[in-house]
Amino acid sequence: MRSIKITAAVFALGLAAISNPAWAGCEKGDCQNGYGTYSYESGNRYVGMHDSGRMHGRGTFTWANGDKYEGSWDRDYSSGQGSYFYANGDVYVGQWRNDQKNGRGKFTWADGSEYIGMWQNDEKNGQGTNHYINGSVYVGQWKDNQKHGQGTQTWKNGKVYKGRWNYGLQEHR
């Protein structure tokens, strides 16, 4: 009789874990030092390589809101080459360091506009090209997400400004 009660209790706990969305842990595989699937209480999920219980190597992290990162991990941080797919349709493909866009990458907005160039600390920094949805194109230098330094802006109507920019503003001489 005692083993039936224990078996019933274990079965009930198993059902609770399956039906409880707040459950967290390793679903399958090796989430310590190998390939495994780990689910979080928040609804987020990581599928990929682990090292000492951390995301490390290649893997995919999917957030409960629908965002998804596929790429390289270094001790729980997206680092190296990877792609981030935003739930709203935006996409970034490029280099990462410590969970931020760093290095060369391409960001495509859901509306079709895109930026191809250098990133630093999650912002456009360095040389890059921005194609805007209205048909305008900017090719040049960026600093802190703004046109800054030498660059050329070409508008859809054919007007061109080639010169220096100071934090998003044209420098007129």
N, C-alpha and C. Protein backbone atom coordinates (compact mmCIF):
# COMPACT_ATOMS: atom_id res chain seq x y z
N MET A 1 0.82 -1.20 0.00
CA MET A 1 0.00 0.00 0.00
C MET A 1 0.86 1.26 0.00
N ARG A 2 1.95 1.21 0.78
CA ARG A 2 2.84 2.37 0.85
C ARG A 2 3.45 2.67 -0.52
N SER A 3 3.85 1.65 -1.31
CA SER A 3 4.46 1.90 -2.61
C SER A 3 3.45 2.47 -3.60
N ILE A 4 2.19 2.13 -3.46
CA ILE A 4 1.16 2.70 -4.33
C ILE A 4 1.00 4.19 -4.04
N LYS A 5 1.02 4.58 -2.76
CA LYS A 5 0.91 5.99 -2.38
C LYS A 5 2.12 6.77 -2.90
N ILE A 6 3.32 6.19 -2.77
CA ILE A 6 4.52 6.87 -3.25
C ILE A 6 4.47 7.01 -4.76
N THR A 7 4.09 5.94 -5.47
CA THR A 7 3.99 5.98 -6.93
C THR A 7 2.97 7.02 -7.36
N ALA A 8 1.84 7.07 -6.69
CA ALA A 8 0.80 8.06 -7.01
C ALA A 8 1.32 9.48 -6.77
N ALA A 9 2.08 9.67 -5.68
CA ALA A 9 2.63 10.99 -5.38
C ALA A 9 3.65 11.41 -6.44
N VAL A 10 4.52 10.50 -6.83
CA VAL A 10 5.52 10.79 -7.86
C VAL A 10 4.82 11.11 -9.18
N PHE A 11 3.80 10.35 -9.55
CA PHE A 11 3.05 10.59 -10.77
C PHE A 11 2.38 11.96 -10.73
N ALA A 12 1.79 12.31 -9.58
CA ALA A 12 1.13 13.61 -9.43
C ALA A 12 2.15 14.74 -9.56
N LEU A 13 3.33 14.57 -8.97
CA LEU A 13 4.36 15.60 -9.11
C LEU A 13 4.80 15.73 -10.56
N GLY A 14 4.91 14.62 -11.25
CA GLY A 14 5.28 14.65 -12.67
C GLY A 14 4.25 15.39 -13.49
N LEU A 15 2.96 15.15 -13.25
CA LEU A 15 1.90 15.87 -13.96
C LEU A 15 1.94 17.35 -13.63
N ALA A 16 2.21 17.68 -12.37
CA ALA A 16 2.29 19.08 -11.98
C ALA A 16 3.42 19.78 -12.72
N ALA A 17 4.56 19.10 -12.86
CA ALA A 17 5.69 19.70 -13.57
C ALA A 17 5.37 19.91 -15.04
N ILE A 18 4.67 18.97 -15.65
CA ILE A 18 4.33 19.09 -17.07
C ILE A 18 3.31 20.20 -17.29
N SER A 19 2.32 20.30 -16.42
CA SER A 19 1.25 21.27 -16.61
C SER A 19 1.58 22.64 -16.02
N ASN A 20 2.66 22.74 -15.24
CA ASN A 20 3.00 23.99 -14.59
C ASN A 20 3.96 24.79 -15.48
N PRO A 21 3.53 25.92 -16.05
CA PRO A 21 4.40 26.69 -16.93
C PRO A 21 5.56 27.35 -16.19
N ALA A 22 5.53 27.36 -14.86
CA ALA A 22 6.59 27.99 -14.09
C ALA A 22 7.75 27.02 -13.85
N TRP A 23 7.65 25.78 -14.36
CA TRP A 23 8.71 24.80 -14.18
C TRP A 23 9.95 25.24 -14.93
N ALA A 24 11.12 25.00 -14.34
CA ALA A 24 12.39 25.32 -15.01
C ALA A 24 13.36 24.17 -14.82
N GLY A 25 14.19 23.96 -15.83
CA GLY A 25 15.22 22.95 -15.70
C GLY A 25 15.59 22.35 -17.04
N CYS A 26 16.48 21.35 -16.96
CA CYS A 26 16.96 20.67 -18.15
C CYS A 26 15.90 19.69 -18.63
N GLU A 27 15.37 19.92 -19.83
CA GLU A 27 14.33 19.04 -20.38
C GLU A 27 14.92 17.76 -20.92
N LYS A 28 16.04 17.90 -21.65
CA LYS A 28 16.67 16.70 -22.21
C LYS A 28 18.12 17.00 -22.55
N GLY A 29 18.90 15.97 -22.65
CA GLY A 29 20.30 16.11 -23.00
C GLY A 29 21.16 16.44 -21.80
N ASP A 30 22.30 17.04 -22.08
CA ASP A 30 23.30 17.38 -21.06
C ASP A 30 23.40 18.89 -20.94
N CYS A 31 22.75 19.46 -19.94
CA CYS A 31 22.75 20.91 -19.74
C CYS A 31 23.91 21.36 -18.85
N GLN A 32 24.82 20.46 -18.55
CA GLN A 32 26.01 20.81 -17.78
C GLN A 32 27.23 20.94 -18.70
N ASN A 33 27.51 19.90 -19.46
CA ASN A 33 28.72 19.89 -20.31
C ASN A 33 28.45 19.15 -21.61
N GLY A 34 27.51 19.64 -22.37
CA GLY A 34 27.17 18.99 -23.64
C GLY A 34 26.01 19.70 -24.29
N TYR A 35 25.29 18.96 -25.12
CA TYR A 35 24.16 19.51 -25.86
C TYR A 35 22.88 19.20 -25.09
N GLY A 36 22.08 20.24 -24.83
CA GLY A 36 20.85 20.02 -24.10
C GLY A 36 19.84 21.12 -24.30
N THR A 37 18.64 20.87 -23.80
CA THR A 37 17.53 21.82 -23.85
C THR A 37 17.18 22.24 -22.43
N TYR A 38 17.22 23.55 -22.17
CA TYR A 38 16.93 24.07 -20.85
C TYR A 38 15.77 25.05 -20.97
N SER A 39 14.75 24.87 -20.15
CA SER A 39 13.59 25.77 -20.13
C SER A 39 13.59 26.58 -18.84
N TYR A 40 13.17 27.83 -18.94
CA TYR A 40 13.15 28.75 -17.81
C TYR A 40 11.72 28.99 -17.36
N GLU A 41 11.56 29.38 -16.12
CA GLU A 41 10.23 29.67 -15.56
C GLU A 41 9.50 30.73 -16.36
N SER A 42 10.24 31.67 -16.95
CA SER A 42 9.65 32.78 -17.71
C SER A 42 9.03 32.33 -19.03
N GLY A 43 9.34 31.10 -19.45
CA GLY A 43 8.88 30.62 -20.75
C GLY A 43 9.98 30.68 -21.80
N ASN A 44 11.13 31.26 -21.45
CA ASN A 44 12.28 31.28 -22.34
C ASN A 44 12.86 29.87 -22.44
N ARG A 45 13.62 29.64 -23.53
CA ARG A 45 14.18 28.29 -23.74
C ARG A 45 15.51 28.39 -24.48
N TYR A 46 16.48 27.58 -24.04
CA TYR A 46 17.77 27.51 -24.71
C TYR A 46 18.02 26.08 -25.17
N VAL A 47 18.41 25.93 -26.44
CA VAL A 47 18.75 24.63 -27.00
C VAL A 47 20.14 24.78 -27.60
N GLY A 48 21.10 24.03 -27.06
CA GLY A 48 22.45 24.12 -27.60
C GLY A 48 23.50 23.58 -26.66
N MET A 49 24.72 24.03 -26.90
CA MET A 49 25.87 23.55 -26.14
C MET A 49 25.95 24.25 -24.78
N HIS A 50 26.41 23.48 -23.79
CA HIS A 50 26.60 23.97 -22.43
C HIS A 50 28.02 23.64 -21.98
N ASP A 51 28.56 24.48 -21.12
CA ASP A 51 29.85 24.23 -20.49
C ASP A 51 29.74 24.69 -19.04
N SER A 52 29.92 23.78 -18.11
CA SER A 52 29.79 24.07 -16.68
C SER A 52 28.42 24.69 -16.37
N GLY A 53 27.38 24.21 -17.05
CA GLY A 53 26.02 24.68 -16.81
C GLY A 53 25.68 26.00 -17.47
N ARG A 54 26.59 26.55 -18.26
CA ARG A 54 26.36 27.83 -18.93
C ARG A 54 26.16 27.61 -20.43
N MET A 55 25.47 28.55 -21.08
CA MET A 55 25.34 28.53 -22.54
C MET A 55 26.71 28.86 -23.10
N HIS A 56 27.27 27.92 -23.89
CA HIS A 56 28.63 28.10 -24.39
C HIS A 56 28.80 27.26 -25.65
N GLY A 57 29.18 27.91 -26.75
CA GLY A 57 29.26 27.23 -28.03
C GLY A 57 28.10 27.68 -28.92
N ARG A 58 27.61 26.81 -29.76
CA ARG A 58 26.48 27.14 -30.64
C ARG A 58 25.17 26.82 -29.94
N GLY A 59 24.19 27.70 -30.13
CA GLY A 59 22.89 27.43 -29.54
C GLY A 59 21.85 28.45 -29.95
N THR A 60 20.61 28.15 -29.60
CA THR A 60 19.47 29.01 -29.91
C THR A 60 18.72 29.33 -28.62
N PHE A 61 18.53 30.62 -28.37
CA PHE A 61 17.76 31.08 -27.21
C PHE A 61 16.48 31.71 -27.74
N THR A 62 15.35 31.23 -27.27
CA THR A 62 14.05 31.76 -27.69
C THR A 62 13.36 32.36 -26.46
N TRP A 63 12.98 33.63 -26.58
CA TRP A 63 12.28 34.31 -25.50
C TRP A 63 10.79 34.04 -25.60
N ALA A 64 10.12 34.14 -24.49
CA ALA A 64 8.67 33.91 -24.44
C ALA A 64 7.92 34.91 -25.33
N ASN A 65 8.49 36.10 -25.56
CA ASN A 65 7.82 37.12 -26.40
C ASN A 65 7.97 36.85 -27.89
N GLY A 66 8.74 35.80 -28.28
CA GLY A 66 8.91 35.46 -29.68
C GLY A 66 10.25 35.85 -30.27
N ASP A 67 11.04 36.68 -29.57
CA ASP A 67 12.39 36.99 -30.03
C ASP A 67 13.24 35.73 -30.01
N LYS A 68 14.25 35.65 -30.91
CA LYS A 68 15.10 34.47 -30.95
C LYS A 68 16.51 34.85 -31.39
N TYR A 69 17.52 34.31 -30.69
CA TYR A 69 18.92 34.47 -31.07
C TYR A 69 19.48 33.10 -31.42
N GLU A 70 20.11 33.01 -32.59
CA GLU A 70 20.78 31.77 -33.02
C GLU A 70 22.23 32.12 -33.29
N GLY A 71 23.15 31.43 -32.61
CA GLY A 71 24.55 31.72 -32.88
C GLY A 71 25.48 31.26 -31.79
N SER A 72 26.59 31.97 -31.68
CA SER A 72 27.65 31.61 -30.74
C SER A 72 27.41 32.21 -29.36
N TRP A 73 27.79 31.45 -28.34
CA TRP A 73 27.66 31.86 -26.94
C TRP A 73 29.01 31.72 -26.26
N ASP A 74 29.27 32.62 -25.33
CA ASP A 74 30.48 32.55 -24.51
C ASP A 74 30.07 32.80 -23.06
N ARG A 75 30.02 31.74 -22.27
CA ARG A 75 29.66 31.82 -20.84
C ARG A 75 28.40 32.65 -20.59
N ASP A 76 27.32 32.26 -21.22
CA ASP A 76 25.98 32.87 -21.07
C ASP A 76 25.78 34.18 -21.82
N TYR A 77 26.75 34.62 -22.62
CA TYR A 77 26.61 35.85 -23.40
C TYR A 77 26.66 35.52 -24.89
N SER A 78 25.78 36.16 -25.67
CA SER A 78 25.89 36.03 -27.13
C SER A 78 27.17 36.74 -27.54
N SER A 79 28.08 35.99 -28.13
CA SER A 79 29.38 36.51 -28.55
C SER A 79 29.84 35.75 -29.78
N GLY A 80 30.37 36.48 -30.76
CA GLY A 80 30.78 35.86 -32.01
C GLY A 80 29.73 36.12 -33.08
N GLN A 81 29.58 35.21 -34.00
CA GLN A 81 28.62 35.37 -35.10
C GLN A 81 27.25 34.88 -34.67
N GLY A 82 26.21 35.67 -34.97
CA GLY A 82 24.87 35.24 -34.62
C GLY A 82 23.80 36.05 -35.30
N SER A 83 22.58 35.55 -35.21
CA SER A 83 21.41 36.21 -35.80
C SER A 83 20.35 36.39 -34.74
N TYR A 84 19.75 37.59 -34.70
CA TYR A 84 18.68 37.88 -33.75
C TYR A 84 17.43 38.19 -34.55
N PHE A 85 16.39 37.43 -34.29
CA PHE A 85 15.10 37.60 -34.96
C PHE A 85 14.12 38.19 -33.95
N TYR A 86 13.70 39.42 -34.18
CA TYR A 86 12.77 40.10 -33.28
C TYR A 86 11.34 39.69 -33.61
N ALA A 87 10.52 39.62 -32.60
CA ALA A 87 9.12 39.23 -32.78
C ALA A 87 8.39 40.18 -33.73
N ASN A 88 8.83 41.45 -33.81
CA ASN A 88 8.16 42.43 -34.67
C ASN A 88 8.58 42.33 -36.14
N GLY A 89 9.52 41.40 -36.46
CA GLY A 89 9.95 41.21 -37.85
C GLY A 89 11.33 41.77 -38.17
N ASP A 90 11.92 42.58 -37.26
CA ASP A 90 13.27 43.08 -37.47
C ASP A 90 14.26 41.90 -37.36
N VAL A 91 15.41 42.02 -38.05
CA VAL A 91 16.43 40.97 -38.02
C VAL A 91 17.81 41.60 -37.99
N TYR A 92 18.68 41.08 -37.11
CA TYR A 92 20.09 41.48 -37.12
C TYR A 92 20.93 40.23 -37.34
N VAL A 93 21.86 40.30 -38.30
CA VAL A 93 22.79 39.22 -38.59
C VAL A 93 24.18 39.81 -38.55
N GLY A 94 25.02 39.30 -37.66
CA GLY A 94 26.37 39.84 -37.57
C GLY A 94 27.11 39.42 -36.33
N GLN A 95 28.03 40.26 -35.95
CA GLN A 95 28.91 39.95 -34.82
C GLN A 95 28.35 40.50 -33.51
N TRP A 96 28.64 39.75 -32.44
CA TRP A 96 28.17 40.08 -31.10
C TRP A 96 29.32 40.00 -30.11
N ARG A 97 29.21 40.77 -29.03
CA ARG A 97 30.12 40.65 -27.89
C ARG A 97 29.35 41.04 -26.64
N ASN A 98 29.32 40.15 -25.68
CA ASN A 98 28.65 40.40 -24.40
C ASN A 98 27.20 40.85 -24.56
N ASP A 99 26.45 40.12 -25.37
CA ASP A 99 25.02 40.37 -25.61
C ASP A 99 24.73 41.68 -26.35
N GLN A 100 25.73 42.25 -27.01
CA GLN A 100 25.52 43.48 -27.77
C GLN A 100 26.07 43.34 -29.18
N LYS A 101 25.44 44.06 -30.12
CA LYS A 101 25.96 44.10 -31.48
C LYS A 101 27.32 44.79 -31.44
N ASN A 102 28.35 44.10 -31.91
CA ASN A 102 29.71 44.64 -31.93
C ASN A 102 30.44 44.04 -33.12
N GLY A 103 30.98 44.90 -33.99
CA GLY A 103 31.65 44.44 -35.20
C GLY A 103 30.75 44.66 -36.41
N ARG A 104 30.99 43.90 -37.45
CA ARG A 104 30.24 44.07 -38.70
C ARG A 104 28.90 43.36 -38.61
N GLY A 105 27.85 44.02 -39.10
CA GLY A 105 26.54 43.40 -39.09
C GLY A 105 25.53 44.10 -39.98
N LYS A 106 24.43 43.41 -40.18
CA LYS A 106 23.34 43.94 -41.01
C LYS A 106 22.05 43.89 -40.19
N PHE A 107 21.41 45.04 -40.06
CA PHE A 107 20.12 45.14 -39.37
C PHE A 107 19.07 45.48 -40.41
N THR A 108 18.05 44.64 -40.51
CA THR A 108 16.95 44.88 -41.43
C THR A 108 15.68 45.08 -40.62
N TRP A 109 15.05 46.23 -40.79
CA TRP A 109 13.80 46.52 -40.11
C TRP A 109 12.65 45.84 -40.84
N ALA A 110 11.59 45.60 -40.14
CA ALA A 110 10.42 44.93 -40.72
C ALA A 110 9.86 45.72 -41.90
N ASP A 111 10.05 47.05 -41.92
CA ASP A 111 9.53 47.87 -43.03
C ASP A 111 10.40 47.80 -44.29
N GLY A 112 11.55 47.10 -44.23
CA GLY A 112 12.41 46.94 -45.38
C GLY A 112 13.65 47.81 -45.38
N SER A 113 13.72 48.81 -44.52
CA SER A 113 14.94 49.62 -44.45
C SER A 113 16.04 48.78 -43.80
N GLU A 114 17.32 49.16 -44.09
CA GLU A 114 18.41 48.34 -43.55
C GLU A 114 19.66 49.16 -43.33
N TYR A 115 20.47 48.69 -42.39
CA TYR A 115 21.79 49.25 -42.12
C TYR A 115 22.80 48.12 -42.23
N ILE A 116 23.86 48.37 -43.00
CA ILE A 116 24.96 47.41 -43.14
C ILE A 116 26.24 48.15 -42.77
N GLY A 117 26.91 47.66 -41.74
CA GLY A 117 28.14 48.34 -41.35
C GLY A 117 28.60 47.93 -39.97
N MET A 118 29.34 48.84 -39.35
CA MET A 118 29.97 48.57 -38.07
C MET A 118 29.07 48.96 -36.90
N TRP A 119 29.20 48.15 -35.84
CA TRP A 119 28.44 48.34 -34.60
C TRP A 119 29.41 48.35 -33.43
N GLN A 120 29.05 49.10 -32.41
CA GLN A 120 29.81 49.08 -31.16
C GLN A 120 28.82 49.32 -30.02
N ASN A 121 28.83 48.44 -29.05
CA ASN A 121 27.94 48.56 -27.88
C ASN A 121 26.48 48.74 -28.27
N ASP A 122 26.04 47.95 -29.24
CA ASP A 122 24.63 47.92 -29.68
C ASP A 122 24.20 49.14 -30.49
N GLU A 123 25.16 49.97 -30.94
CA GLU A 123 24.83 51.16 -31.71
C GLU A 123 25.65 51.22 -32.99
N LYS A 124 25.12 51.91 -34.01
CA LYS A 124 25.88 52.14 -35.24
C LYS A 124 27.08 53.01 -34.89
N ASN A 125 28.27 52.50 -35.15
CA ASN A 125 29.51 53.23 -34.90
C ASN A 125 30.53 52.80 -35.93
N GLY A 126 31.14 53.77 -36.63
CA GLY A 126 32.10 53.46 -37.68
C GLY A 126 31.47 53.62 -39.05
N GLN A 127 32.03 52.95 -40.03
CA GLN A 127 31.55 53.06 -41.42
C GLN A 127 30.31 52.21 -41.63
N GLY A 128 29.31 52.78 -42.32
CA GLY A 128 28.11 52.02 -42.61
C GLY A 128 27.22 52.67 -43.64
N THR A 129 26.28 51.88 -44.15
CA THR A 129 25.31 52.34 -45.15
C THR A 129 23.91 52.07 -44.64
N ASN A 130 23.08 53.11 -44.67
CA ASN A 130 21.69 52.98 -44.25
C ASN A 130 20.78 53.24 -45.45
N HIS A 131 19.98 52.24 -45.81
CA HIS A 131 18.96 52.38 -46.85
C HIS A 131 17.63 52.61 -46.13
N TYR A 132 17.02 53.75 -46.36
CA TYR A 132 15.78 54.10 -45.68
C TYR A 132 14.58 53.67 -46.51
N ILE A 133 13.46 53.45 -45.86
CA ILE A 133 12.24 53.00 -46.52
C ILE A 133 11.75 54.03 -47.55
N ASN A 134 12.06 55.33 -47.33
CA ASN A 134 11.61 56.37 -48.26
C ASN A 134 12.48 56.47 -49.51
N GLY A 135 13.50 55.59 -49.63
CA GLY A 135 14.36 55.59 -50.81
C GLY A 135 15.67 56.33 -50.64
N SER A 136 15.84 57.06 -49.56
CA SER A 136 17.09 57.76 -49.28
C SER A 136 18.16 56.77 -48.85
N VAL A 137 19.43 57.17 -49.10
CA VAL A 137 20.56 56.33 -48.71
C VAL A 137 21.63 57.21 -48.07
N TYR A 138 22.19 56.75 -46.95
CA TYR A 138 23.33 57.43 -46.34
C TYR A 138 24.49 56.45 -46.32
N VAL A 139 25.65 56.91 -46.82
CA VAL A 139 26.89 56.12 -46.80
C VAL A 139 27.94 56.97 -46.11
N GLY A 140 28.45 56.46 -45.00
CA GLY A 140 29.46 57.23 -44.30
C GLY A 140 29.70 56.78 -42.88
N GLN A 141 30.17 57.70 -42.10
CA GLN A 141 30.55 57.41 -40.72
C GLN A 141 29.38 57.64 -39.75
N TRP A 142 29.40 56.83 -38.68
CA TRP A 142 28.37 56.88 -37.65
C TRP A 142 29.03 56.96 -36.28
N LYS A 143 28.35 57.58 -35.34
CA LYS A 143 28.80 57.60 -33.95
C LYS A 143 27.56 57.61 -33.07
N ASP A 144 27.48 56.66 -32.18
CA ASP A 144 26.35 56.57 -31.23
C ASP A 144 25.00 56.61 -31.94
N ASN A 145 24.89 55.84 -33.01
CA ASN A 145 23.64 55.71 -33.78
C ASN A 145 23.29 56.94 -34.61
N GLN A 146 24.21 57.89 -34.76
CA GLN A 146 23.93 59.10 -35.53
C GLN A 146 24.99 59.28 -36.61
N LYS A 147 24.58 59.91 -37.72
CA LYS A 147 25.53 60.26 -38.78
C LYS A 147 26.55 61.22 -38.16
N HIS A 148 27.82 60.87 -38.26
CA HIS A 148 28.85 61.69 -37.62
C HIS A 148 30.18 61.47 -38.32
N GLY A 149 30.75 62.54 -38.86
CA GLY A 149 31.98 62.43 -39.63
C GLY A 149 31.67 62.60 -41.11
N GLN A 150 32.52 62.05 -41.96
CA GLN A 150 32.35 62.18 -43.40
C GLN A 150 31.25 61.24 -43.89
N GLY A 151 30.35 61.77 -44.76
CA GLY A 151 29.30 60.93 -45.30
C GLY A 151 28.55 61.58 -46.44
N THR A 152 27.82 60.75 -47.16
CA THR A 152 27.03 61.20 -48.30
C THR A 152 25.59 60.75 -48.12
N GLN A 153 24.68 61.71 -48.15
CA GLN A 153 23.24 61.43 -48.08
C GLN A 153 22.66 61.68 -49.47
N THR A 154 21.98 60.68 -50.01
CA THR A 154 21.30 60.81 -51.29
C THR A 154 19.82 60.61 -51.06
N TRP A 155 19.03 61.61 -51.40
CA TRP A 155 17.59 61.53 -51.22
C TRP A 155 16.94 60.93 -52.46
N LYS A 156 15.74 60.45 -52.29
CA LYS A 156 14.99 59.82 -53.38
C LYS A 156 14.83 60.76 -54.59
N ASN A 157 14.69 62.07 -54.32
CA ASN A 157 14.51 63.04 -55.41
C ASN A 157 15.81 63.37 -56.15
N GLY A 158 16.93 62.73 -55.76
CA GLY A 158 18.21 62.94 -56.43
C GLY A 158 19.12 63.95 -55.76
N LYS A 159 18.60 64.71 -54.80
CA LYS A 159 19.44 65.67 -54.08
C LYS A 159 20.52 64.91 -53.31
N VAL A 160 21.76 65.48 -53.32
CA VAL A 160 22.89 64.83 -52.66
C VAL A 160 23.60 65.82 -51.75
N TYR A 161 23.91 65.39 -50.55
CA TYR A 161 24.79 66.16 -49.67
C TYR A 161 26.00 65.29 -49.38
N LYS A 162 27.18 65.82 -49.73
CA LYS A 162 28.42 65.11 -49.45
C LYS A 162 29.26 66.04 -48.59
N GLY A 163 29.58 65.56 -47.39
CA GLY A 163 30.35 66.42 -46.48
C GLY A 163 30.38 65.84 -45.08
N ARG A 164 30.57 66.74 -44.13
CA ARG A 164 30.69 66.33 -42.72
C ARG A 164 29.35 66.42 -42.00
N TRP A 165 29.20 65.51 -41.06
CA TRP A 165 28.02 65.44 -40.21
C TRP A 165 28.46 65.56 -38.76
N ASN A 166 27.64 66.20 -37.95
CA ASN A 166 27.94 66.34 -36.53
C ASN A 166 26.73 65.84 -35.75
N TYR A 167 26.81 64.64 -35.26
CA TYR A 167 25.73 64.01 -34.51
C TYR A 167 24.37 64.18 -35.20
N GLY A 168 24.32 63.77 -36.45
CA GLY A 168 23.07 63.76 -37.20
C GLY A 168 22.76 65.01 -37.99
N LEU A 169 23.53 66.07 -37.78
CA LEU A 169 23.28 67.34 -38.48
C LEU A 169 24.37 67.61 -39.51
N GLN A 170 23.96 68.15 -40.66
CA GLN A 170 24.92 68.52 -41.70
C GLN A 170 25.74 69.73 -41.23
N GLU A 171 27.04 69.68 -41.48
CA GLU A 171 27.89 70.83 -41.18
C GLU A 171 27.97 71.68 -42.42
N HIS A 172 27.52 72.91 -42.35
CA HIS A 172 27.58 73.82 -43.52
C HIS A 172 28.75 74.75 -43.35
N ARG A 173 29.55 74.87 -44.40
CA ARG A 173 30.72 75.77 -44.34
C ARG A 173 30.56 76.90 -45.30
